[in-house]
Amino acid sequence: MYQANSKPFNTAYSVWTARWWNWLHSFPRNKSPASDPTGQLSSLSQDDPNAWFLAGTLGGSANRACSIPYGKAILFPIITSAFSFVVDPELHSEEELTLSAKKDIDGAKNLILTIDDDQVEDVRRFRIRSEPFDDIIYGKTTRAVSDGYWAFLKTLSVGNHKIHFIGENIDFFNDVTYSLSILSKDLLI
């Protein structure tokens, strides 16, 4: 797993989280990988040559299955929060966005991450706060800030893997299990 202060593929971890939000917000809410209970939408818009994005939920639990080509790192939120001028019009500065995201995620608890039934210790060391970034939400370009606990896994071996993550705060609960099939290059032809 990449450490929070690392630069996977020569890009700051916090920039990767902003890219993840751009990916998630590119879908209508009812066709979002975050609202998908089974994983059937998990392969949508996976265009990055180095990373594959997995979604949490819009609140609640999901048990998903998906196939990922071998060689991709995997980025997903254990629990995260984002604030933007479009969704949060009462906020008027990037500093207010940052403070709101921080305050929201400061209350995170019950952070659990297991990979192939091995629990990752001290998930709190993977807290990542983005710099303000451009996002498109509800068809409107806006500034946004994200704060949260993330996992960025290095390439998994070919075969089947299971990822389970839980996070909650005052008004949000995220409990997701992914059954992953990492496909060999031979199966991608």
Foldseek 3Di string as FASTA:
>chain_A
DDFQQDAVVNHHPLVVVVVLQQVQQVDDPVLGLQDDQEAPSQVPPQPDPAAGEHEWHPFDEHEYEDEAEFRHKYKYFLDKDKDWCVVCVVDDDQVSQQVVRCVQAVQKDPKWKDKQNRTDPPQVSQWHKHRWDWHAHPNRIITMIMIGGMDTGGGDDAAWMKMWTWMDGDPGTTTYIYTYGHHYPVVVD
